[in-house]
Each structure stands twice: as C-alpha cells, then as structure tokens.
Amino acid sequence: EMEAEALAAIFDTSFSILSETQPFEWSVKLLPVDCDGDDDAQNHVGILLKANIPLDYPEVSLPQLHVEIIKGLTEEHRVELEEMAITEASNNHGMPAIYAICEVLREWLADHNTKGLDDASMHAQMIRRAQEEERKKASQQQEFESQKQVEIISQAEQEEQLVLKRRAEGTPCNKENFLAWKCKFEEEMQQQQHAQEQEQEQQVRKGKEQKTEDKSGRLTGFQQFSNKTMLNMEAIEAAAEQAENDEIDPEELNVEEELFDDDEDLDDLDFDDDSDDEDEPDI
C-alpha cells in the first residue's frame, strides 16, 4: 500500500489500481515525454505496464509483469520491453521495484521516440536495424570512454595514495641504506668539487691569456737610454763640426745696435756689492 501511494504521487493520473484486493494489480502508462495531456504532439511511442503483486512481495516473490503497446511499437518491441522489465525486477529483488522498472522502460522509449517503428515492412525493419546498430555502437563507445576515464582517475588516485603513504611512512633508516646514501652523497660532492676546480682553472688560465702581451719588439730601458745618448752625442758633434766649417759674415748678422748705444739705462743700476754694507757679526 505504501508503494502504491508513492507511485500515485509520482505518476499522478498515469498510475491506476486495477485491483484493490490481494493480490493487488497495478498499471502505469509510460510515455517518452510528459506533455500534460497532449500525448500525440511529441510522443510517437507508448506502453502500458501491468504488474500483479504477490502476497510475499517484495521480500520473497517478484511481481508478475506484462507490457501492452499503446502506439508506435511492434510485437518484437513489446517482448523486448517485457524482458527488460523482468530483468530489472530481478536486480531489485527484496525491495520495491516498480518505480525502477518504469524508469528503465521510459528511458528506452525516449531513445526510440521516432515515427514508423510499428511499420512491419521489410524496408522499415532494415532501417530500424541500421538505426539500432548505430545506437548500440554509440552506446558502447560512450561506455568505453566512461570506463577509460574511470580507469585513468583510478590509476591517478592510486598513485596519489602511494605517494601520500610513502610521505607518511617515510623510508626506514638502517645500516645498509645509510651506507648506500653516504657513498652516493660523497660521490656527488667529489664531482661537484672537481667541477668547481676545473672552472677555477679555466678562469685563471683565461685571465693569464688576457694579461700576456707580446713584448718581443719592445726595447729595454738600457737600450732606450743608450740609443738616446748616442743620438744626442752624434747630433752635438755634427753641429760643432758644421760650426767650425762655416764662416760667419758679420754683415749677415742682424744685430739691433740701438740696444747697445743707450747708456742711460745703465746709470740706474747699482753695481756696489751689498755684502760690504752688511755689519759683521760680533765674535
């Protein structure tokens, strides 16, 4: 009775109680789209699910299910839907299952809500089979992608859990792994020190090469002094020799005689020795 009240609240007028005495008999009208009374506008298929409820349902027995076609479907579809309903009832054994069965059937109706499914001609059947094959392939591909995504997430979660576990537990320290770590650490330090020494040697060598200059063509201080002295002596000797050989003509000399004729300038000069006027110091 409680399940009947729940179904009446969910499906409203689509739910009916055919028999109120035990065993109960219920019926549910199922359409792909709830159109508020205008069933023909968007719904091209529809069924009626009838359920006979045993006295020991749901703890022991399963409901007896029967599917009737309202429109748009063939007998093959009816058999398929009835098998789906029985399977879903078995999956929910031990608990109220009518609502779950209705949801599975209505989902199938929504996927097949097209015109012409009740056409029994060979051409229509071929078209329906082709559409069904495409629908199955799409469904399988979707399931495969979903499963693949779940596996990727599961693997990532497992790796993350392992990392967190290693961080929490840490690595136990014993003599063997400590010695292994010590050898590896010393080897790394030696390599690092060797690399630093090589870098310093290269810098020193590079600095020496920059400071080293070619001095092979330069003269020493003694050489420069000797060369200058020799050049000066040679110049003096050459000038003296030229002076001896040259005869000087007095007329060729340009002398300003006025500088020597004026004696007035000489009168102003005091040629007395100032040292005589200084007092001699007392002894």
Protein backbone atom coordinates (compact mmCIF):
# COMPACT_ATOMS: atom_id res chain seq x y z
CA GLU A 1 0.00 0.00 0.00
CA MET A 2 2.83 2.43 0.78
CA GLU A 3 4.45 1.72 -2.59
CA ALA A 4 1.07 2.30 -4.32
CA GLU A 5 0.75 5.69 -2.62
CA ALA A 6 4.27 6.65 -3.69
CA LEU A 7 3.61 5.61 -7.30
CA ALA A 8 0.34 7.57 -7.35
CA ALA A 9 2.19 10.66 -6.10
CA ILE A 10 4.91 10.28 -8.75
CA PHE A 11 2.90 9.30 -11.86
CA ASP A 12 -0.39 11.01 -10.93
CA THR A 13 -3.13 10.02 -13.40
CA SER A 14 -0.82 7.67 -15.29
CA PHE A 15 -0.96 5.27 -12.32
CA SER A 16 -4.03 3.13 -11.77
CA ILE A 17 -5.02 0.45 -9.25
CA LEU A 18 -6.82 -2.29 -11.17
CA SER A 19 -7.46 -4.46 -8.12
CA GLU A 20 -7.53 -3.25 -4.53
CA THR A 21 -7.79 -6.75 -3.06
CA GLN A 22 -4.84 -9.05 -2.65
CA PRO A 23 -3.07 -9.89 -4.81
CA PHE A 24 -3.04 -6.28 -5.97
CA GLU A 25 -2.89 -5.32 -9.65
CA TRP A 26 -1.42 -2.01 -10.80
CA SER A 27 -0.90 -0.35 -14.19
CA VAL A 28 1.36 2.52 -15.25
CA LYS A 29 1.10 4.38 -18.54
CA LEU A 30 4.61 5.21 -19.82
CA LEU A 31 5.43 7.80 -22.49
CA PRO A 32 8.79 9.26 -23.56
CA VAL A 33 7.77 12.87 -22.77
CA ASP A 34 5.27 14.21 -20.25
CA CYS A 35 3.19 16.59 -22.37
CA ASP A 36 0.43 17.45 -19.85
CA GLY A 37 -2.37 15.61 -21.70
CA ASP A 38 -1.24 16.27 -25.30
CA ASP A 39 0.32 12.86 -25.80
CA ASP A 40 0.32 12.85 -29.61
CA ALA A 41 2.33 16.07 -30.01
CA GLN A 42 5.79 14.75 -29.07
CA ASN A 43 5.24 11.11 -28.13
CA HIS A 44 5.34 8.68 -31.05
CA VAL A 45 5.52 5.55 -28.89
CA GLY A 46 3.88 4.47 -25.64
CA ILE A 47 3.20 1.39 -23.50
CA LEU A 48 1.15 0.27 -20.54
CA LEU A 49 2.94 -1.68 -17.77
CA LYS A 50 0.73 -4.03 -15.72
CA ALA A 51 2.01 -5.62 -12.50
CA ASN A 52 0.39 -8.37 -10.38
CA ILE A 53 1.70 -8.06 -6.83
CA PRO A 54 2.01 -11.36 -4.86
CA LEU A 55 1.33 -11.50 -1.14
CA ASP A 56 5.00 -12.09 -0.26
CA TYR A 57 6.30 -9.23 -2.48
CA PRO A 58 8.94 -7.81 -2.25
CA GLU A 59 10.69 -9.96 0.37
CA VAL A 60 10.26 -13.32 -1.42
CA SER A 61 8.46 -13.13 -4.74
CA LEU A 62 8.86 -10.85 -7.75
CA PRO A 63 5.94 -9.01 -9.35
CA GLN A 64 4.37 -10.58 -12.43
CA LEU A 65 4.87 -8.08 -15.25
CA HIS A 66 3.11 -7.64 -18.56
CA VAL A 67 3.64 -4.95 -21.25
CA GLU A 68 0.91 -3.73 -23.58
CA ILE A 69 1.54 -1.47 -26.58
CA ILE A 70 -0.35 1.81 -26.74
CA LYS A 71 1.11 3.07 -30.04
CA GLY A 72 4.09 3.15 -32.35
CA LEU A 73 5.69 -0.23 -31.48
CA THR A 74 5.65 -3.80 -32.77
CA GLU A 75 5.34 -7.16 -31.05
CA GLU A 76 9.12 -7.53 -31.08
CA HIS A 77 9.42 -4.31 -29.15
CA ARG A 78 6.81 -5.48 -26.66
CA VAL A 79 8.71 -8.70 -25.97
CA GLU A 80 11.97 -6.81 -25.61
CA LEU A 81 10.45 -4.35 -23.15
CA GLU A 82 8.85 -7.13 -21.12
CA GLU A 83 12.19 -8.93 -20.80
CA MET A 84 13.82 -5.68 -19.70
CA ALA A 85 11.16 -5.23 -17.04
CA ILE A 86 11.64 -8.75 -15.67
CA THR A 87 15.43 -8.30 -15.58
CA GLU A 88 15.15 -5.02 -13.68
CA ALA A 89 12.76 -6.63 -11.20
CA SER A 90 15.32 -9.37 -10.53
CA ASN A 91 18.03 -6.76 -9.99
CA ASN A 92 15.87 -5.12 -7.29
CA HIS A 93 14.81 -8.34 -5.57
CA GLY A 94 13.98 -7.77 -1.90
CA MET A 95 12.91 -4.14 -2.27
CA PRO A 96 10.10 -2.19 -4.02
CA ALA A 97 10.97 -2.32 -7.75
CA ILE A 98 8.03 -0.89 -9.75
CA TYR A 99 9.44 2.65 -9.95
CA ALA A 100 12.89 1.40 -11.06
CA ILE A 101 11.25 -0.78 -13.73
CA CYS A 102 9.23 2.16 -15.02
CA GLU A 103 12.32 4.37 -15.27
CA VAL A 104 14.20 1.76 -17.34
CA LEU A 105 11.27 1.32 -19.73
CA ARG A 106 10.68 5.05 -20.10
CA GLU A 107 14.38 5.60 -20.88
CA TRP A 108 14.12 3.05 -23.69
CA LEU A 109 11.02 4.80 -25.03
CA ALA A 110 12.83 8.15 -25.01
CA ASP A 111 15.69 6.66 -27.05
CA HIS A 112 13.25 5.17 -29.60
CA ASN A 113 10.74 8.01 -29.80
CA THR A 114 10.51 8.10 -33.61
CA LYS A 115 7.72 7.63 -36.11
CA GLY A 116 7.29 4.43 -38.08
CA LEU A 117 8.56 1.91 -35.58
CA ASP A 118 5.30 -0.02 -35.96
CA ASP A 119 5.80 -0.33 -39.73
CA ALA A 120 6.16 -4.07 -40.45
CA SER A 121 7.55 -3.70 -43.99
CA MET A 122 10.99 -5.07 -44.85
CA HIS A 123 12.33 -1.60 -45.68
CA ALA A 124 11.22 -0.20 -42.34
CA GLN A 125 12.69 -3.14 -40.49
CA MET A 126 16.05 -2.70 -42.26
CA ILE A 127 16.07 0.99 -41.36
CA ARG A 128 15.25 0.19 -37.75
CA ARG A 129 18.00 -2.42 -37.56
CA ALA A 130 20.53 0.02 -39.00
CA GLN A 131 19.48 2.69 -36.53
CA GLU A 132 19.64 0.19 -33.70
CA GLU A 133 23.16 -0.85 -34.70
CA GLU A 134 24.30 2.78 -34.75
CA ARG A 135 22.67 3.37 -31.39
CA LYS A 136 24.39 0.34 -29.90
CA LYS A 137 27.79 1.38 -31.28
CA ALA A 138 27.36 4.87 -29.86
CA SER A 139 26.33 3.44 -26.52
CA GLN A 140 29.27 1.05 -26.45
CA GLN A 141 31.69 3.83 -27.38
CA GLN A 142 30.26 6.00 -24.64
CA GLU A 143 30.60 3.20 -22.12
CA PHE A 144 34.17 2.56 -23.25
CA GLU A 145 35.12 6.23 -22.87
CA SER A 146 33.48 6.36 -19.45
CA GLN A 147 35.28 3.22 -18.33
CA LYS A 148 38.58 4.53 -19.69
CA GLN A 149 38.11 7.80 -17.82
CA VAL A 150 37.30 5.90 -14.64
CA GLU A 151 40.43 3.77 -15.04
CA ILE A 152 42.59 6.86 -15.57
CA ILE A 153 41.12 8.51 -12.49
CA SER A 154 41.53 5.31 -10.50
CA GLN A 155 45.17 4.97 -11.53
CA ALA A 156 45.87 8.61 -10.67
CA GLU A 157 44.19 8.14 -7.29
CA GLN A 158 46.23 5.02 -6.62
CA GLU A 159 49.48 6.81 -7.46
CA GLU A 160 48.50 9.72 -5.24
CA GLN A 161 47.67 7.36 -2.40
CA LEU A 162 51.03 5.64 -2.77
CA VAL A 163 52.82 9.00 -2.68
CA LEU A 164 50.90 10.06 0.41
CA LYS A 165 51.63 6.71 2.03
CA ARG A 166 55.36 6.99 1.34
CA ARG A 167 55.38 10.52 2.70
CA ALA A 168 53.56 9.43 5.84
CA GLU A 169 55.64 6.32 6.47
CA GLY A 170 58.96 7.60 5.14
CA THR A 171 61.98 5.42 4.40
CA PRO A 172 63.22 3.35 7.34
CA CYS A 173 66.88 4.06 8.09
CA ASN A 174 69.21 1.11 8.60
CA LYS A 175 72.90 0.45 8.14
CA GLU A 176 72.63 -0.70 4.54
CA ASN A 177 70.61 2.17 3.10
CA PHE A 178 72.60 4.69 5.18
CA LEU A 179 75.90 3.44 3.73
CA ALA A 180 74.42 3.49 0.25
CA TRP A 181 73.24 7.06 0.77
CA LYS A 182 76.63 8.05 2.22
CA CYS A 183 78.55 6.65 -0.78
CA LYS A 184 76.25 8.39 -3.21
CA PHE A 185 76.48 11.67 -1.29
CA GLU A 186 80.30 11.60 -1.16
CA GLU A 187 80.48 10.79 -4.86
CA GLU A 188 78.22 13.73 -5.68
CA MET A 189 80.31 16.05 -3.50
CA GLN A 190 83.55 14.92 -5.20
CA GLN A 191 82.07 15.50 -8.62
CA GLN A 192 80.87 18.93 -7.57
CA GLN A 193 84.30 19.84 -6.12
CA HIS A 194 86.08 18.59 -9.23
CA ALA A 195 83.80 20.66 -11.42
CA GLN A 196 84.46 23.77 -9.31
CA GLU A 197 88.25 23.23 -9.53
CA GLN A 198 88.09 22.86 -13.29
CA GLU A 199 86.05 26.04 -13.56
CA GLN A 200 88.55 27.96 -11.41
CA GLU A 201 91.48 26.68 -13.50
CA GLN A 202 89.77 27.79 -16.67
CA GLN A 203 89.14 31.25 -15.22
CA VAL A 204 92.79 31.60 -14.12
CA ARG A 205 94.06 30.39 -17.49
CA LYS A 206 91.76 32.76 -19.28
CA GLY A 207 92.97 35.68 -17.11
CA LYS A 208 96.64 34.90 -17.84
CA GLU A 209 96.00 34.74 -21.55
CA GLN A 210 94.35 38.14 -21.43
CA LYS A 211 97.23 39.71 -19.43
CA THR A 212 100.06 38.19 -21.51
CA GLU A 213 101.32 40.58 -24.22
CA ASP A 214 103.91 40.19 -26.95
CA LYS A 215 106.97 42.22 -25.75
CA SER A 216 109.48 40.82 -28.25
CA GLY A 217 109.51 44.05 -30.29
CA ARG A 218 109.89 46.41 -27.33
CA LEU A 219 113.26 47.94 -26.20
CA THR A 220 114.56 47.68 -22.70
CA GLY A 221 115.27 50.77 -20.61
CA PHE A 222 119.05 50.41 -21.10
CA GLN A 223 118.59 50.12 -24.85
CA GLN A 224 116.40 53.18 -24.99
CA PHE A 225 118.90 55.23 -22.85
CA SER A 226 121.91 54.11 -24.89
CA ASN A 227 120.22 54.91 -28.16
CA LYS A 228 119.16 58.37 -26.97
CA THR A 229 122.69 59.16 -25.65
CA MET A 230 124.32 58.06 -28.88
CA LEU A 231 121.87 60.08 -30.94
CA ASN A 232 122.47 63.22 -28.81
CA MET A 233 126.28 62.90 -28.97
CA GLU A 234 126.16 62.39 -32.70
CA ALA A 235 123.97 65.47 -33.08
CA ILE A 236 126.30 67.62 -30.93
CA GLU A 237 129.40 66.52 -32.77
CA ALA A 238 127.74 67.15 -36.11
CA ALA A 239 126.68 70.67 -35.03
CA ALA A 240 130.19 71.55 -33.75
CA GLU A 241 131.80 70.30 -36.90
CA GLN A 242 129.40 72.34 -39.02
CA ALA A 243 130.13 75.47 -36.92
CA GLU A 244 133.85 75.08 -37.47
CA ASN A 245 133.48 74.66 -41.15
CA ASP A 246 131.05 77.55 -41.66
CA GLU A 247 132.47 81.14 -41.95
CA ILE A 248 130.25 83.76 -40.33
CA ASP A 249 129.96 87.11 -42.15
CA PRO A 250 129.36 90.00 -39.69
CA GLU A 251 127.28 91.82 -42.22
CA GLU A 252 124.91 88.92 -42.41
CA LEU A 253 124.25 89.16 -38.68
CA ASN A 254 121.08 91.02 -37.82
CA VAL A 255 122.04 92.99 -34.70
CA GLU A 256 119.98 95.81 -33.21
CA GLU A 257 122.64 98.39 -32.28
CA GLU A 258 120.19 100.66 -30.51
CA LEU A 259 120.09 98.23 -27.68
CA PHE A 260 123.79 98.83 -27.00
CA ASP A 261 124.06 102.65 -27.69
CA ASP A 262 121.75 103.82 -24.90
CA ASP A 263 123.82 104.15 -21.68
CA GLU A 264 121.13 105.92 -19.64
CA ASP A 265 119.57 102.68 -18.67
CA LEU A 266 122.82 101.56 -17.18
CA ASP A 267 123.09 104.60 -14.87
CA ASP A 268 120.19 103.44 -12.81
CA LEU A 269 121.90 100.19 -11.93
CA ASP A 270 123.78 99.91 -8.61
CA PHE A 271 126.88 97.78 -9.09
CA ASP A 272 128.12 98.18 -5.46
CA ASP A 273 128.50 94.99 -3.53
CA ASP A 274 125.77 94.92 -0.91
CA SER A 275 127.73 92.42 1.15
CA ASP A 276 130.23 95.14 2.18
CA ASP A 277 127.49 97.19 3.82
CA GLU A 278 126.34 94.39 5.99
CA ASP A 279 127.56 94.50 9.55
CA GLU A 280 129.93 91.79 10.51
CA PRO A 281 128.65 89.72 13.38
CA ASP A 282 130.25 90.17 16.76
CA ILE A 283 132.53 87.39 17.82
